[in-house]
Amino acid sequence: MTQQLPDDIQREVETTIRAKASESRVLDVYATAQEIRSRHAVPEIRIEDIATTVARLASQYGCAVELGGQRAEPLTRQSA
């Protein structure tokens, strides 16, 4: 189960995603999560919890995400 991130880390994830989305439409989820985690001394928060939030927000911004060097395109809705 994914742990709820503290407000300050959640805001930083959102700010970081916005900045990176303006630079590139491809986002490395784990590198971004590690970058954010390294700025906070919160050992009880798992990198996977940050990465989950990064991936979710990046896809909401329309970014393609890379997971360990593999690229996953954002899902698009198709009308029937």
PDB file of N, CA and C in Angstrom:
ATOM      1  N   MET A   1       0.842  -1.178   0.000  1.00  0.00           N
ATOM      2  CA  MET A   1       0.000   0.000   0.000  1.00  0.00           C
ATOM      3  C   MET A   1       0.893   1.250   0.000  1.00  0.00           C
ATOM      4  N   THR A   2       0.501   2.212  -0.779  1.00  0.00           N
ATOM      5  CA  THR A   2       1.278   3.435  -0.891  1.00  0.00           C
ATOM      6  C   THR A   2       1.016   4.338   0.310  1.00  0.00           C
ATOM      7  N   GLN A   3       2.097   4.851   0.869  1.00  0.00           N
ATOM      8  CA  GLN A   3       2.016   5.748   2.024  1.00  0.00           C
ATOM      9  C   GLN A   3       1.727   7.166   1.540  1.00  0.00           C
ATOM     10  N   GLN A   4       0.862   7.869   2.276  1.00  0.00           N
ATOM     11  CA  GLN A   4       0.576   9.268   1.973  1.00  0.00           C
ATOM     12  C   GLN A   4       1.827  10.093   2.252  1.00  0.00           C
ATOM     13  N   LEU A   5       2.224  10.913   1.307  1.00  0.00           N
ATOM     14  CA  LEU A   5       3.414  11.739   1.481  1.00  0.00           C
ATOM     15  C   LEU A   5       3.097  12.951   2.352  1.00  0.00           C
ATOM     16  N   PRO A   6       4.069  13.385   3.153  1.00  0.00           N
ATOM     17  CA  PRO A   6       3.881  14.635   3.907  1.00  0.00           C
ATOM     18  C   PRO A   6       3.643  15.796   2.937  1.00  0.00           C
ATOM     19  N   ASP A   7       2.951  16.823   3.406  1.00  0.00           N
ATOM     20  CA  ASP A   7       2.574  17.949   2.551  1.00  0.00           C
ATOM     21  C   ASP A   7       3.765  18.610   1.864  1.00  0.00           C
ATOM     22  N   ASP A   8       4.874  18.791   2.590  1.00  0.00           N
ATOM     23  CA  ASP A   8       6.018  19.468   1.977  1.00  0.00           C
ATOM     24  C   ASP A   8       6.619  18.649   0.837  1.00  0.00           C
ATOM     25  N   ILE A   9       6.650  17.329   0.990  1.00  0.00           N
ATOM     26  CA  ILE A   9       7.184  16.494  -0.088  1.00  0.00           C
ATOM     27  C   ILE A   9       6.199  16.437  -1.251  1.00  0.00           C
ATOM     28  N   GLN A  10       4.912  16.353  -0.946  1.00  0.00           N
ATOM     29  CA  GLN A  10       3.881  16.361  -1.996  1.00  0.00           C
ATOM     30  C   GLN A  10       3.982  17.639  -2.837  1.00  0.00           C
ATOM     31  N   ARG A  11       4.127  18.776  -2.170  1.00  0.00           N
ATOM     32  CA  ARG A  11       4.268  20.048  -2.912  1.00  0.00           C
ATOM     33  C   ARG A  11       5.535  20.052  -3.753  1.00  0.00           C
ATOM     34  N   GLU A  12       6.616  19.498  -3.215  1.00  0.00           N
ATOM     35  CA  GLU A  12       7.855  19.465  -3.994  1.00  0.00           C
ATOM     36  C   GLU A  12       7.723  18.558  -5.209  1.00  0.00           C
ATOM     37  N   VAL A  13       7.032  17.439  -5.062  1.00  0.00           N
ATOM     38  CA  VAL A  13       6.791  16.563  -6.218  1.00  0.00           C
ATOM     39  C   VAL A  13       6.037  17.338  -7.288  1.00  0.00           C
ATOM     40  N   GLU A  14       4.985  18.030  -6.903  1.00  0.00           N
ATOM     41  CA  GLU A  14       4.192  18.795  -7.867  1.00  0.00           C
ATOM     42  C   GLU A  14       5.023  19.876  -8.547  1.00  0.00           C
ATOM     43  N   THR A  15       5.809  20.610  -7.780  1.00  0.00           N
ATOM     44  CA  THR A  15       6.658  21.669  -8.333  1.00  0.00           C
ATOM     45  C   THR A  15       7.707  21.092  -9.272  1.00  0.00           C
ATOM     46  N   THR A  16       8.318  19.991  -8.871  1.00  0.00           N
ATOM     47  CA  THR A  16       9.355  19.360  -9.697  1.00  0.00           C
ATOM     48  C   THR A  16       8.779  18.844 -11.005  1.00  0.00           C
ATOM     49  N   ILE A  17       7.608  18.225 -10.948  1.00  0.00           N
ATOM     50  CA  ILE A  17       6.970  17.702 -12.160  1.00  0.00           C
ATOM     51  C   ILE A  17       6.644  18.844 -13.117  1.00  0.00           C
ATOM     52  N   ARG A  18       6.086  19.930 -12.600  1.00  0.00           N
ATOM     53  CA  ARG A  18       5.780  21.079 -13.469  1.00  0.00           C
ATOM     54  C   ARG A  18       7.038  21.604 -14.147  1.00  0.00           C
ATOM     55  N   ALA A  19       8.120  21.735 -13.391  1.00  0.00           N
ATOM     56  CA  ALA A  19       9.375  22.244 -13.957  1.00  0.00           C
ATOM     57  C   ALA A  19       9.925  21.295 -15.013  1.00  0.00           C
ATOM     58  N   LYS A  20       9.937  20.008 -14.708  1.00  0.00           N
ATOM     59  CA  LYS A  20      10.486  19.033 -15.655  1.00  0.00           C
ATOM     60  C   LYS A  20       9.596  18.886 -16.888  1.00  0.00           C
ATOM     61  N   ALA A  21       8.282  18.993 -16.706  1.00  0.00           N
ATOM     62  CA  ALA A  21       7.365  18.882 -17.843  1.00  0.00           C
ATOM     63  C   ALA A  21       7.546  20.037 -18.812  1.00  0.00           C
ATOM     64  N   SER A  22       7.970  21.200 -18.303  1.00  0.00           N
ATOM     65  CA  SER A  22       8.205  22.331 -19.195  1.00  0.00           C
ATOM     66  C   SER A  22       9.516  22.174 -19.974  1.00  0.00           C
ATOM     67  N   GLU A  23      10.410  21.320 -19.485  1.00  0.00           N
ATOM     68  CA  GLU A  23      11.689  21.074 -20.153  1.00  0.00           C
ATOM     69  C   GLU A  23      11.616  19.915 -21.140  1.00  0.00           C
ATOM     70  N   SER A  24      10.885  18.861 -20.757  1.00  0.00           N
ATOM     71  CA  SER A  24      10.833  17.648 -21.571  1.00  0.00           C
ATOM     72  C   SER A  24       9.520  16.931 -21.306  1.00  0.00           C
ATOM     73  N   ARG A  25       9.010  16.238 -22.292  1.00  0.00           N
ATOM     74  CA  ARG A  25       7.767  15.486 -22.126  1.00  0.00           C
ATOM     75  C   ARG A  25       8.043  14.047 -21.701  1.00  0.00           C
ATOM     76  N   VAL A  26       9.316  13.709 -21.422  1.00  0.00           N
ATOM     77  CA  VAL A  26       9.693  12.384 -20.931  1.00  0.00           C
ATOM     78  C   VAL A  26      10.302  12.565 -19.553  1.00  0.00           C
ATOM     79  N   LEU A  27       9.830  11.787 -18.592  1.00  0.00           N
ATOM     80  CA  LEU A  27      10.282  11.954 -17.221  1.00  0.00           C
ATOM     81  C   LEU A  27      10.758  10.610 -16.669  1.00  0.00           C
ATOM     82  N   ASP A  28      11.955  10.604 -16.089  1.00  0.00           N
ATOM     83  CA  ASP A  28      12.497   9.416 -15.439  1.00  0.00           C
ATOM     84  C   ASP A  28      11.950   9.387 -14.014  1.00  0.00           C
ATOM     85  N   VAL A  29      11.038   8.482 -13.751  1.00  0.00           N
ATOM     86  CA  VAL A  29      10.319   8.434 -12.479  1.00  0.00           C
ATOM     87  C   VAL A  29      11.254   8.228 -11.298  1.00  0.00           C
ATOM     88  N   TYR A  30      12.099   7.192 -11.359  1.00  0.00           N
ATOM     89  CA  TYR A  30      12.932   6.880 -10.206  1.00  0.00           C
ATOM     90  C   TYR A  30      14.039   7.902  -9.998  1.00  0.00           C
ATOM     91  N   ALA A  31      14.594   8.451 -11.051  1.00  0.00           N
ATOM     92  CA  ALA A  31      15.614   9.492 -10.888  1.00  0.00           C
ATOM     93  C   ALA A  31      14.999  10.733 -10.247  1.00  0.00           C
ATOM     94  N   THR A  32      13.792  11.082 -10.658  1.00  0.00           N
ATOM     95  CA  THR A  32      13.102  12.232 -10.079  1.00  0.00           C
ATOM     96  C   THR A  32      12.743  11.969  -8.619  1.00  0.00           C
ATOM     97  N   ALA A  33      12.259  10.773  -8.331  1.00  0.00           N
ATOM     98  CA  ALA A  33      11.914  10.421  -6.951  1.00  0.00           C
ATOM     99  C   ALA A  33      13.151  10.446  -6.056  1.00  0.00           C
ATOM    100  N   GLN A  34      14.263   9.936  -6.555  1.00  0.00           N
ATOM    101  CA  GLN A  34      15.501   9.937  -5.778  1.00  0.00           C
ATOM    102  C   GLN A  34      16.000  11.366  -5.548  1.00  0.00           C
ATOM    103  N   GLU A  35      15.869  12.192  -6.557  1.00  0.00           N
ATOM    104  CA  GLU A  35      16.258  13.606  -6.442  1.00  0.00           C
ATOM    105  C   GLU A  35      15.461  14.297  -5.325  1.00  0.00           C
ATOM    106  N   ILE A  36      14.172  14.048  -5.304  1.00  0.00           N
ATOM    107  CA  ILE A  36      13.307  14.645  -4.280  1.00  0.00           C
ATOM    108  C   ILE A  36      13.631  14.069  -2.907  1.00  0.00           C
ATOM    109  N   ARG A  37      13.778  12.764  -2.830  1.00  0.00           N
ATOM    110  CA  ARG A  37      14.070  12.111  -1.542  1.00  0.00           C
ATOM    111  C   ARG A  37      15.399  12.577  -0.956  1.00  0.00           C
ATOM    112  N   SER A  38      16.380  12.835  -1.801  1.00  0.00           N
ATOM    113  CA  SER A  38      17.699  13.233  -1.309  1.00  0.00           C
ATOM    114  C   SER A  38      17.668  14.615  -0.646  1.00  0.00           C
ATOM    115  N   ARG A  39      16.655  15.412  -0.963  1.00  0.00           N
ATOM    116  CA  ARG A  39      16.542  16.745  -0.368  1.00  0.00           C
ATOM    117  C   ARG A  39      15.814  16.732   0.976  1.00  0.00           C
ATOM    118  N   HIS A  40      15.292  15.571   1.359  1.00  0.00           N
ATOM    119  CA  HIS A  40      14.539  15.455   2.607  1.00  0.00           C
ATOM    120  C   HIS A  40      15.123  14.328   3.454  1.00  0.00           C
ATOM    121  N   ALA A  41      15.277  14.572   4.731  1.00  0.00           N
ATOM    122  CA  ALA A  41      15.788  13.562   5.662  1.00  0.00           C
ATOM    123  C   ALA A  41      14.610  12.840   6.311  1.00  0.00           C
ATOM    124  N   VAL A  42      13.899  12.047   5.502  1.00  0.00           N
ATOM    125  CA  VAL A  42      12.735  11.325   5.993  1.00  0.00           C
ATOM    126  C   VAL A  42      12.907   9.847   5.620  1.00  0.00           C
ATOM    127  N   PRO A  43      13.683   9.103   6.427  1.00  0.00           N
ATOM    128  CA  PRO A  43      13.988   7.711   6.071  1.00  0.00           C
ATOM    129  C   PRO A  43      12.779   6.785   6.067  1.00  0.00           C
ATOM    130  N   GLU A  44      11.702   7.151   6.776  1.00  0.00           N
ATOM    131  CA  GLU A  44      10.533   6.261   6.808  1.00  0.00           C
ATOM    132  C   GLU A  44       9.701   6.317   5.527  1.00  0.00           C
ATOM    133  N   ILE A  45      10.001   7.238   4.648  1.00  0.00           N
ATOM    134  CA  ILE A  45       9.284   7.308   3.372  1.00  0.00           C
ATOM    135  C   ILE A  45      10.068   6.522   2.329  1.00  0.00           C
ATOM    136  N   ARG A  46       9.389   5.549   1.752  1.00  0.00           N
ATOM    137  CA  ARG A  46      10.032   4.682   0.765  1.00  0.00           C
ATOM    138  C   ARG A  46      10.124   5.388  -0.594  1.00  0.00           C
ATOM    139  N   ILE A  47      11.186   5.081  -1.314  1.00  0.00           N
ATOM    140  CA  ILE A  47      11.369   5.649  -2.656  1.00  0.00           C
ATOM    141  C   ILE A  47      10.200   5.261  -3.561  1.00  0.00           C
ATOM    142  N   GLU A  48       9.640   4.081  -3.350  1.00  0.00           N
ATOM    143  CA  GLU A  48       8.514   3.613  -4.164  1.00  0.00           C
ATOM    144  C   GLU A  48       7.278   4.485  -3.966  1.00  0.00           C
ATOM    145  N   ASP A  49       7.085   4.984  -2.737  1.00  0.00           N
ATOM    146  CA  ASP A  49       5.937   5.855  -2.482  1.00  0.00           C
ATOM    147  C   ASP A  49       6.079   7.189  -3.216  1.00  0.00           C
ATOM    148  N   ILE A  50       7.289   7.722  -3.214  1.00  0.00           N
ATOM    149  CA  ILE A  50       7.537   8.966  -3.947  1.00  0.00           C
ATOM    150  C   ILE A  50       7.408   8.708  -5.448  1.00  0.00           C
ATOM    151  N   ALA A  51       7.973   7.590  -5.912  1.00  0.00           N
ATOM    152  CA  ALA A  51       7.928   7.254  -7.346  1.00  0.00           C
ATOM    153  C   ALA A  51       6.498   7.076  -7.828  1.00  0.00           C
ATOM    154  N   THR A  52       5.649   6.486  -7.016  1.00  0.00           N
ATOM    155  CA  THR A  52       4.243   6.304  -7.384  1.00  0.00           C
ATOM    156  C   THR A  52       3.567   7.652  -7.605  1.00  0.00           C
ATOM    157  N   THR A  53       3.822   8.575  -6.708  1.00  0.00           N
ATOM    158  CA  THR A  53       3.243   9.915  -6.840  1.00  0.00           C
ATOM    159  C   THR A  53       3.821  10.647  -8.040  1.00  0.00           C
ATOM    160  N   VAL A  54       5.137  10.518  -8.251  1.00  0.00           N
ATOM    161  CA  VAL A  54       5.782  11.140  -9.414  1.00  0.00           C
ATOM    162  C   VAL A  54       5.162  10.607 -10.706  1.00  0.00           C
ATOM    163  N   ALA A  55       5.016   9.292 -10.821  1.00  0.00           N
ATOM    164  CA  ALA A  55       4.456   8.690 -12.036  1.00  0.00           C
ATOM    165  C   ALA A  55       3.027   9.141 -12.274  1.00  0.00           C
ATOM    166  N   ARG A  56       2.228   9.171 -11.217  1.00  0.00           N
ATOM    167  CA  ARG A  56       0.827   9.577 -11.356  1.00  0.00           C
ATOM    168  C   ARG A  56       0.711  11.029 -11.822  1.00  0.00           C
ATOM    169  N   LEU A  57       1.455  11.920 -11.169  1.00  0.00           N
ATOM    170  CA  LEU A  57       1.382  13.335 -11.547  1.00  0.00           C
ATOM    171  C   LEU A  57       1.980  13.585 -12.923  1.00  0.00           C
ATOM    172  N   ALA A  58       3.062  12.902 -13.245  1.00  0.00           N
ATOM    173  CA  ALA A  58       3.669  13.077 -14.572  1.00  0.00           C
ATOM    174  C   ALA A  58       2.689  12.668 -15.667  1.00  0.00           C
ATOM    175  N   SER A  59       1.981  11.577 -15.449  1.00  0.00           N
ATOM    176  CA  SER A  59       1.008  11.160 -16.469  1.00  0.00           C
ATOM    177  C   SER A  59      -0.151  12.141 -16.560  1.00  0.00           C
ATOM    178  N   GLN A  60      -0.533  12.766 -15.437  1.00  0.00           N
ATOM    179  CA  GLN A  60      -1.579  13.786 -15.475  1.00  0.00           C
ATOM    180  C   GLN A  60      -1.137  15.019 -16.259  1.00  0.00           C
ATOM    181  N   TYR A  61       0.173  15.285 -16.252  1.00  0.00           N
ATOM    182  CA  TYR A  61       0.715  16.406 -17.021  1.00  0.00           C
ATOM    183  C   TYR A  61       0.969  16.023 -18.479  1.00  0.00           C
ATOM    184  N   GLY A  62       0.683  14.771 -18.841  1.00  0.00           N
ATOM    185  CA  GLY A  62       0.844  14.329 -20.222  1.00  0.00           C
ATOM    186  C   GLY A  62       2.252  13.893 -20.566  1.00  0.00           C
ATOM    187  N   CYS A  63       3.070  13.664 -19.560  1.00  0.00           N
ATOM    188  CA  CYS A  63       4.447  13.219 -19.801  1.00  0.00           C
ATOM    189  C   CYS A  63       4.487  11.711 -20.011  1.00  0.00           C
ATOM    190  N   ALA A  64       5.389  11.289 -20.870  1.00  0.00           N
ATOM    191  CA  ALA A  64       5.733   9.873 -20.945  1.00  0.00           C
ATOM    192  C   ALA A  64       6.691   9.623 -19.791  1.00  0.00           C
ATOM    193  N   VAL A  65       6.606   8.446 -19.197  1.00  0.00           N
ATOM    194  CA  VAL A  65       7.463   8.158 -18.055  1.00  0.00           C
ATOM    195  C   VAL A  65       8.419   7.021 -18.372  1.00  0.00           C
ATOM    196  N   GLU A  66       9.625   7.137 -17.836  1.00  0.00           N
ATOM    197  CA  GLU A  66      10.619   6.083 -17.953  1.00  0.00           C
ATOM    198  C   GLU A  66      10.714   5.386 -16.609  1.00  0.00           C
ATOM    199  N   LEU A  67      10.687   4.076 -16.656  1.00  0.00           N
ATOM    200  CA  LEU A  67      10.810   3.261 -15.447  1.00  0.00           C
ATOM    201  C   LEU A  67      12.030   2.359 -15.613  1.00  0.00           C
ATOM    202  N   GLY A  68      13.128   2.745 -15.029  1.00  0.00           N
ATOM    203  CA  GLY A  68      14.332   1.930 -15.146  1.00  0.00           C
ATOM    204  C   GLY A  68      14.844   1.835 -16.567  1.00  0.00           C
ATOM    205  N   GLY A  69      14.781   2.928 -17.287  1.00  0.00           N
ATOM    206  CA  GLY A  69      15.279   2.952 -18.652  1.00  0.00           C
ATOM    207  C   GLY A  69      14.253   2.535 -19.689  1.00  0.00           C
ATOM    208  N   GLN A  70      13.064   2.093 -19.258  1.00  0.00           N
ATOM    209  CA  GLN A  70      12.010   1.717 -20.192  1.00  0.00           C
ATOM    210  C   GLN A  70      10.990   2.838 -20.247  1.00  0.00           C
ATOM    211  N   ARG A  71      10.473   3.103 -21.394  1.00  0.00           N
ATOM    212  CA  ARG A  71       9.537   4.203 -21.572  1.00  0.00           C
ATOM    213  C   ARG A  71       8.108   3.667 -21.655  1.00  0.00           C
ATOM    214  N   ALA A  72       7.228   4.300 -20.896  1.00  0.00           N
ATOM    215  CA  ALA A  72       5.805   3.971 -20.941  1.00  0.00           C
ATOM    216  C   ALA A  72       5.062   5.231 -21.350  1.00  0.00           C
ATOM    217  N   GLU A  73       4.345   5.179 -22.445  1.00  0.00           N
ATOM    218  CA  GLU A  73       3.614   6.340 -22.922  1.00  0.00           C
ATOM    219  C   GLU A  73       2.387   6.575 -22.065  1.00  0.00           C
ATOM    220  N   PRO A  74       1.965   7.825 -21.887  1.00  0.00           N
ATOM    221  CA  PRO A  74       0.752   8.088 -21.109  1.00  0.00           C
ATOM    222  C   PRO A  74      -0.465   7.513 -21.815  1.00  0.00           C
ATOM    223  N   LEU A  75      -1.425   7.079 -21.031  1.00  0.00           N
ATOM    224  CA  LEU A  75      -2.647   6.535 -21.600  1.00  0.00           C
ATOM    225  C   LEU A  75      -3.500   7.668 -22.153  1.00  0.00           C
ATOM    226  N   THR A  76      -4.085   7.442 -23.294  1.00  0.00           N
ATOM    227  CA  THR A  76      -4.999   8.422 -23.868  1.00  0.00           C
ATOM    228  C   THR A  76      -6.358   7.769 -24.027  1.00  0.00           C
ATOM    229  N   ARG A  77      -7.382   8.543 -23.827  1.00  0.00           N
ATOM    230  CA  ARG A  77      -8.736   8.018 -23.970  1.00  0.00           C
ATOM    231  C   ARG A  77      -9.164   8.132 -25.417  1.00  0.00           C
ATOM    232  N   GLN A  78      -9.761   7.064 -25.888  1.00  0.00           N
ATOM    233  CA  GLN A  78     -10.267   7.069 -27.249  1.00  0.00           C
ATOM    234  C   GLN A  78     -11.781   7.044 -27.200  1.00  0.00           C
ATOM    235  N   SER A  79     -12.406   7.879 -28.004  1.00  0.00           N
ATOM    236  CA  SER A  79     -13.858   7.880 -28.024  1.00  0.00           C
ATOM    237  C   SER A  79     -14.347   6.789 -28.960  1.00  0.00           C
ATOM    238  N   ALA A  80     -15.466   6.197 -28.619  1.00  0.00           N
ATOM    239  CA  ALA A  80     -16.006   5.084 -29.403  1.00  0.00           C
ATOM    240  C   ALA A  80     -16.862   5.579 -30.527  1.00  0.00           C
TER     241      ALA A  80
END
